[in-house]
Amino acid sequence: MNIELILNIAQMVLAALLVASILIQAKGTGLGAAFGGGGNVFRTKRGAEKKIFQLTIVFAILFFGVALANVLI
């Protein structure tokens, strides 16, 4: 297999994982805050929410790295 093909496949998989992790996070926020609704209470991320947040950061860094490698090769 070609290295470019491997990088393209890795980039597509990481893009799908990144989108999914962002959508899972955004699911709990709701649209109330967008229209000036309540919910302005400060709270910290805990448990699964914190792990998903950290996983999203990891996916974003990996996606950027693979995209950069794909351009340079």
C-alpha atoms as a PDB file:
ATOM      1  CA  MET A   1       0.000   0.000   0.000  1.00  0.00           C
ATOM      2  CA  ASN A   2       0.995   3.534  -0.713  1.00  0.00           C
ATOM      3  CA  ILE A   3       1.806   5.924   2.163  1.00  0.00           C
ATOM      4  CA  GLU A   4      -0.442   8.589   0.639  1.00  0.00           C
ATOM      5  CA  LEU A   5      -3.376   6.176   0.619  1.00  0.00           C
ATOM      6  CA  ILE A   6      -2.768   5.281   4.259  1.00  0.00           C
ATOM      7  CA  LEU A   7      -2.630   8.966   5.234  1.00  0.00           C
ATOM      8  CA  ASN A   8      -5.822   9.716   3.288  1.00  0.00           C
ATOM      9  CA  ILE A   9      -7.681   6.866   4.974  1.00  0.00           C
ATOM     10  CA  ALA A  10      -6.364   7.909   8.395  1.00  0.00           C
ATOM     11  CA  GLN A  11      -7.456  11.487   7.753  1.00  0.00           C
ATOM     12  CA  MET A  12     -10.978  10.419   6.767  1.00  0.00           C
ATOM     13  CA  VAL A  13     -11.329   8.184   9.830  1.00  0.00           C
ATOM     14  CA  LEU A  14     -10.044  10.921  12.140  1.00  0.00           C
ATOM     15  CA  ALA A  15     -12.392  13.455  10.531  1.00  0.00           C
ATOM     16  CA  ALA A  16     -15.378  11.186  11.185  1.00  0.00           C
ATOM     17  CA  LEU A  17     -14.285  10.554  14.784  1.00  0.00           C
ATOM     18  CA  LEU A  18     -13.719  14.266  15.380  1.00  0.00           C
ATOM     19  CA  VAL A  19     -17.146  15.205  14.025  1.00  0.00           C
ATOM     20  CA  ALA A  20     -18.804  12.479  16.090  1.00  0.00           C
ATOM     21  CA  SER A  21     -17.074  13.531  19.297  1.00  0.00           C
ATOM     22  CA  ILE A  22     -18.029  17.178  18.729  1.00  0.00           C
ATOM     23  CA  LEU A  23     -21.652  16.270  18.048  1.00  0.00           C
ATOM     24  CA  ILE A  24     -21.809  14.110  21.170  1.00  0.00           C
ATOM     25  CA  GLN A  25     -20.536  17.055  23.212  1.00  0.00           C
ATOM     26  CA  ALA A  26     -22.908  19.573  21.666  1.00  0.00           C
ATOM     27  CA  LYS A  27     -25.894  17.312  22.327  1.00  0.00           C
ATOM     28  CA  GLY A  28     -26.058  18.237  26.017  1.00  0.00           C
ATOM     29  CA  THR A  29     -25.827  22.008  25.572  1.00  0.00           C
ATOM     30  CA  GLY A  30     -29.243  22.663  24.045  1.00  0.00           C
ATOM     31  CA  LEU A  31     -30.426  25.687  22.107  1.00  0.00           C
ATOM     32  CA  GLY A  32     -31.617  27.648  25.136  1.00  0.00           C
ATOM     33  CA  ALA A  33     -28.321  29.463  25.527  1.00  0.00           C
ATOM     34  CA  ALA A  34     -28.318  30.516  21.860  1.00  0.00           C
ATOM     35  CA  PHE A  35     -31.523  32.498  22.331  1.00  0.00           C
ATOM     36  CA  GLY A  36     -30.621  34.068  25.661  1.00  0.00           C
ATOM     37  CA  GLY A  37     -32.199  31.405  27.801  1.00  0.00           C
ATOM     38  CA  GLY A  38     -31.052  30.334  31.228  1.00  0.00           C
ATOM     39  CA  GLY A  39     -28.410  27.800  32.010  1.00  0.00           C
ATOM     40  CA  ASN A  40     -25.603  30.231  32.699  1.00  0.00           C
ATOM     41  CA  VAL A  41     -24.537  28.301  35.776  1.00  0.00           C
ATOM     42  CA  PHE A  42     -20.844  27.491  35.935  1.00  0.00           C
ATOM     43  CA  ARG A  43     -20.103  23.820  36.300  1.00  0.00           C
ATOM     44  CA  THR A  44     -17.094  21.624  35.721  1.00  0.00           C
ATOM     45  CA  LYS A  45     -16.888  18.682  33.378  1.00  0.00           C
ATOM     46  CA  ARG A  46     -17.001  15.342  35.157  1.00  0.00           C
ATOM     47  CA  GLY A  47     -16.853  11.684  34.287  1.00  0.00           C
ATOM     48  CA  ALA A  48     -17.713  10.729  30.716  1.00  0.00           C
ATOM     49  CA  GLU A  49     -18.185  14.352  29.675  1.00  0.00           C
ATOM     50  CA  LYS A  50     -14.583  15.133  30.625  1.00  0.00           C
ATOM     51  CA  LYS A  51     -13.254  12.036  28.818  1.00  0.00           C
ATOM     52  CA  ILE A  52     -15.160  12.934  25.635  1.00  0.00           C
ATOM     53  CA  PHE A  53     -13.803  16.487  25.848  1.00  0.00           C
ATOM     54  CA  GLN A  54     -10.233  15.210  26.207  1.00  0.00           C
ATOM     55  CA  LEU A  55     -10.770  12.686  23.412  1.00  0.00           C
ATOM     56  CA  THR A  56     -11.980  15.494  21.140  1.00  0.00           C
ATOM     57  CA  ILE A  57      -8.754  17.396  21.776  1.00  0.00           C
ATOM     58  CA  VAL A  58      -6.694  14.287  20.984  1.00  0.00           C
ATOM     59  CA  PHE A  59      -8.647  13.686  17.751  1.00  0.00           C
ATOM     60  CA  ALA A  60      -8.141  17.323  16.705  1.00  0.00           C
ATOM     61  CA  ILE A  61      -4.378  17.159  17.310  1.00  0.00           C
ATOM     62  CA  LEU A  62      -4.074  13.844  15.449  1.00  0.00           C
ATOM     63  CA  PHE A  63      -6.177  15.163  12.564  1.00  0.00           C
ATOM     64  CA  PHE A  64      -3.983  18.245  12.263  1.00  0.00           C
ATOM     65  CA  GLY A  65      -0.833  16.114  12.362  1.00  0.00           C
ATOM     66  CA  VAL A  66      -2.060  13.700   9.703  1.00  0.00           C
ATOM     67  CA  ALA A  67      -3.260  16.586   7.508  1.00  0.00           C
ATOM     68  CA  LEU A  68       0.136  18.266   7.805  1.00  0.00           C
ATOM     69  CA  ALA A  69       1.943  15.005   7.009  1.00  0.00           C
ATOM     70  CA  ASN A  70      -0.378  14.474   4.050  1.00  0.00           C
ATOM     71  CA  VAL A  71       0.540  17.883   2.639  1.00  0.00           C
ATOM     72  CA  LEU A  72       4.289  17.474   3.162  1.00  0.00           C
ATOM     73  CA  ILE A  73       4.506  14.019   1.585  1.00  0.00           C
END
